[in-house]
């Protein structure tokens, strides 16, 4: 059992409006970045894990992401375990 990190990305579902992303997109356009077509703003988490097997880490991180870090009605997540 080693020390690991988990990276978790949380994003609004594609069917959900993203006013922060729209605001950023508008700002980029006004700054001359007209080639940027769309911006979605999300959250990024780094979890330091200790004393778990790789399988335990996956199970625990998925449960944390699903139950704590996201609102499953409007957000989706993905994660990776990093050595």
C-alpha atoms as a PDB file:
ATOM      1  CA  UNK A   1       0.000   0.000   0.000  1.00  0.00           C
ATOM      2  CA  UNK A   2       1.551   3.216  -1.172  1.00  0.00           C
ATOM      3  CA  UNK A   3       0.856   6.894  -1.173  1.00  0.00           C
ATOM      4  CA  UNK A   4      -1.178   7.970  -4.154  1.00  0.00           C
ATOM      5  CA  UNK A   5      -3.008  10.988  -5.442  1.00  0.00           C
ATOM      6  CA  UNK A   6      -6.376  11.120  -7.075  1.00  0.00           C
ATOM      7  CA  UNK A   7      -7.284  13.808  -9.590  1.00  0.00           C
ATOM      8  CA  UNK A   8     -11.003  14.492  -9.861  1.00  0.00           C
ATOM      9  CA  UNK A   9     -12.575  16.727 -12.497  1.00  0.00           C
ATOM     10  CA  UNK A  10     -16.160  17.916 -11.976  1.00  0.00           C
ATOM     11  CA  UNK A  11     -17.994  19.602 -14.829  1.00  0.00           C
ATOM     12  CA  UNK A  12     -21.545  20.776 -15.410  1.00  0.00           C
ATOM     13  CA  UNK A  13     -23.503  18.318 -17.522  1.00  0.00           C
ATOM     14  CA  UNK A  14     -23.675  19.386 -21.156  1.00  0.00           C
ATOM     15  CA  UNK A  15     -27.429  19.900 -20.806  1.00  0.00           C
ATOM     16  CA  UNK A  16     -26.947  22.424 -17.969  1.00  0.00           C
ATOM     17  CA  UNK A  17     -26.355  26.122 -18.601  1.00  0.00           C
ATOM     18  CA  UNK A  18     -22.944  27.357 -17.481  1.00  0.00           C
ATOM     19  CA  UNK A  19     -23.187  31.109 -16.795  1.00  0.00           C
ATOM     20  CA  UNK A  20     -19.590  31.306 -15.503  1.00  0.00           C
ATOM     21  CA  UNK A  21     -18.327  29.629 -18.667  1.00  0.00           C
ATOM     22  CA  UNK A  22     -20.403  32.027 -20.769  1.00  0.00           C
ATOM     23  CA  UNK A  23     -18.960  35.008 -18.889  1.00  0.00           C
ATOM     24  CA  UNK A  24     -15.413  33.755 -19.461  1.00  0.00           C
ATOM     25  CA  UNK A  25     -16.195  33.142 -23.135  1.00  0.00           C
ATOM     26  CA  UNK A  26     -17.544  36.678 -23.487  1.00  0.00           C
ATOM     27  CA  UNK A  27     -14.409  38.110 -21.829  1.00  0.00           C
ATOM     28  CA  UNK A  28     -12.123  36.084 -24.103  1.00  0.00           C
ATOM     29  CA  UNK A  29     -14.024  37.232 -27.180  1.00  0.00           C
ATOM     30  CA  UNK A  30     -13.740  40.872 -26.115  1.00  0.00           C
ATOM     31  CA  UNK A  31      -9.989  40.378 -25.600  1.00  0.00           C
ATOM     32  CA  UNK A  32      -9.600  39.201 -29.175  1.00  0.00           C
ATOM     33  CA  UNK A  33      -9.726  35.432 -28.712  1.00  0.00           C
ATOM     34  CA  UNK A  34     -12.542  35.017 -31.222  1.00  0.00           C
ATOM     35  CA  UNK A  35     -11.503  31.484 -32.218  1.00  0.00           C
ATOM     36  CA  UNK A  36     -12.603  30.151 -28.799  1.00  0.00           C
ATOM     37  CA  UNK A  37     -16.072  28.832 -29.492  1.00  0.00           C
ATOM     38  CA  UNK A  38     -17.223  27.703 -26.043  1.00  0.00           C
ATOM     39  CA  UNK A  39     -16.037  27.666 -22.425  1.00  0.00           C
ATOM     40  CA  UNK A  40     -17.225  25.352 -19.661  1.00  0.00           C
ATOM     41  CA  UNK A  41     -15.997  26.017 -16.143  1.00  0.00           C
ATOM     42  CA  UNK A  42     -15.565  23.162 -13.715  1.00  0.00           C
ATOM     43  CA  UNK A  43     -13.722  22.167 -10.574  1.00  0.00           C
ATOM     44  CA  UNK A  44     -10.510  20.210 -10.088  1.00  0.00           C
ATOM     45  CA  UNK A  45      -9.611  18.358  -6.885  1.00  0.00           C
ATOM     46  CA  UNK A  46      -6.413  16.622  -5.809  1.00  0.00           C
ATOM     47  CA  UNK A  47      -6.882  14.034  -3.077  1.00  0.00           C
ATOM     48  CA  UNK A  48      -3.809  12.686  -1.272  1.00  0.00           C
ATOM     49  CA  UNK A  49      -4.385   9.042  -0.372  1.00  0.00           C
ATOM     50  CA  UNK A  50      -2.374   6.920   2.016  1.00  0.00           C
ATOM     51  CA  UNK A  51      -2.610   3.287   3.059  1.00  0.00           C
ATOM     52  CA  UNK A  52      -5.003   2.085   0.355  1.00  0.00           C
ATOM     53  CA  UNK A  53      -4.557  -0.511  -2.334  1.00  0.00           C
ATOM     54  CA  UNK A  54      -5.151   0.639  -5.904  1.00  0.00           C
ATOM     55  CA  UNK A  55      -8.585  -1.011  -5.923  1.00  0.00           C
ATOM     56  CA  UNK A  56      -9.550   0.509  -2.552  1.00  0.00           C
ATOM     57  CA  UNK A  57      -8.411   3.919  -3.794  1.00  0.00           C
ATOM     58  CA  UNK A  58     -10.590   3.654  -6.905  1.00  0.00           C
ATOM     59  CA  UNK A  59     -13.620   2.607  -4.860  1.00  0.00           C
ATOM     60  CA  UNK A  60     -13.151   5.334  -2.276  1.00  0.00           C
ATOM     61  CA  UNK A  61     -12.445   8.130  -4.761  1.00  0.00           C
ATOM     62  CA  UNK A  62     -15.458   7.227  -6.873  1.00  0.00           C
ATOM     63  CA  UNK A  63     -17.679   7.252  -3.774  1.00  0.00           C
ATOM     64  CA  UNK A  64     -16.255  10.603  -2.612  1.00  0.00           C
ATOM     65  CA  UNK A  65     -16.693  12.139  -6.062  1.00  0.00           C
ATOM     66  CA  UNK A  66     -20.243  10.842  -6.400  1.00  0.00           C
ATOM     67  CA  UNK A  67     -21.453  11.629  -2.864  1.00  0.00           C
ATOM     68  CA  UNK A  68     -19.443  14.693  -1.812  1.00  0.00           C
ATOM     69  CA  UNK A  69     -17.781  16.552  -4.681  1.00  0.00           C
ATOM     70  CA  UNK A  70     -20.607  16.607  -7.229  1.00  0.00           C
ATOM     71  CA  UNK A  71     -24.248  17.465  -7.448  1.00  0.00           C
ATOM     72  CA  UNK A  72     -25.383  14.506  -9.579  1.00  0.00           C
ATOM     73  CA  UNK A  73     -28.393  16.413 -10.889  1.00  0.00           C
ATOM     74  CA  UNK A  74     -26.290  19.000 -12.707  1.00  0.00           C
ATOM     75  CA  UNK A  75     -22.689  17.743 -12.652  1.00  0.00           C
ATOM     76  CA  UNK A  76     -20.634  14.815 -13.868  1.00  0.00           C
ATOM     77  CA  UNK A  77     -17.137  13.732 -12.907  1.00  0.00           C
ATOM     78  CA  UNK A  78     -14.130  11.763 -13.979  1.00  0.00           C
ATOM     79  CA  UNK A  79     -11.079  10.794 -12.001  1.00  0.00           C
ATOM     80  CA  UNK A  80      -7.704   9.146 -12.220  1.00  0.00           C
ATOM     81  CA  UNK A  81      -5.466   7.602  -9.610  1.00  0.00           C
ATOM     82  CA  UNK A  82      -1.893   8.866  -9.924  1.00  0.00           C
ATOM     83  CA  UNK A  83       1.073   7.089  -8.341  1.00  0.00           C
END
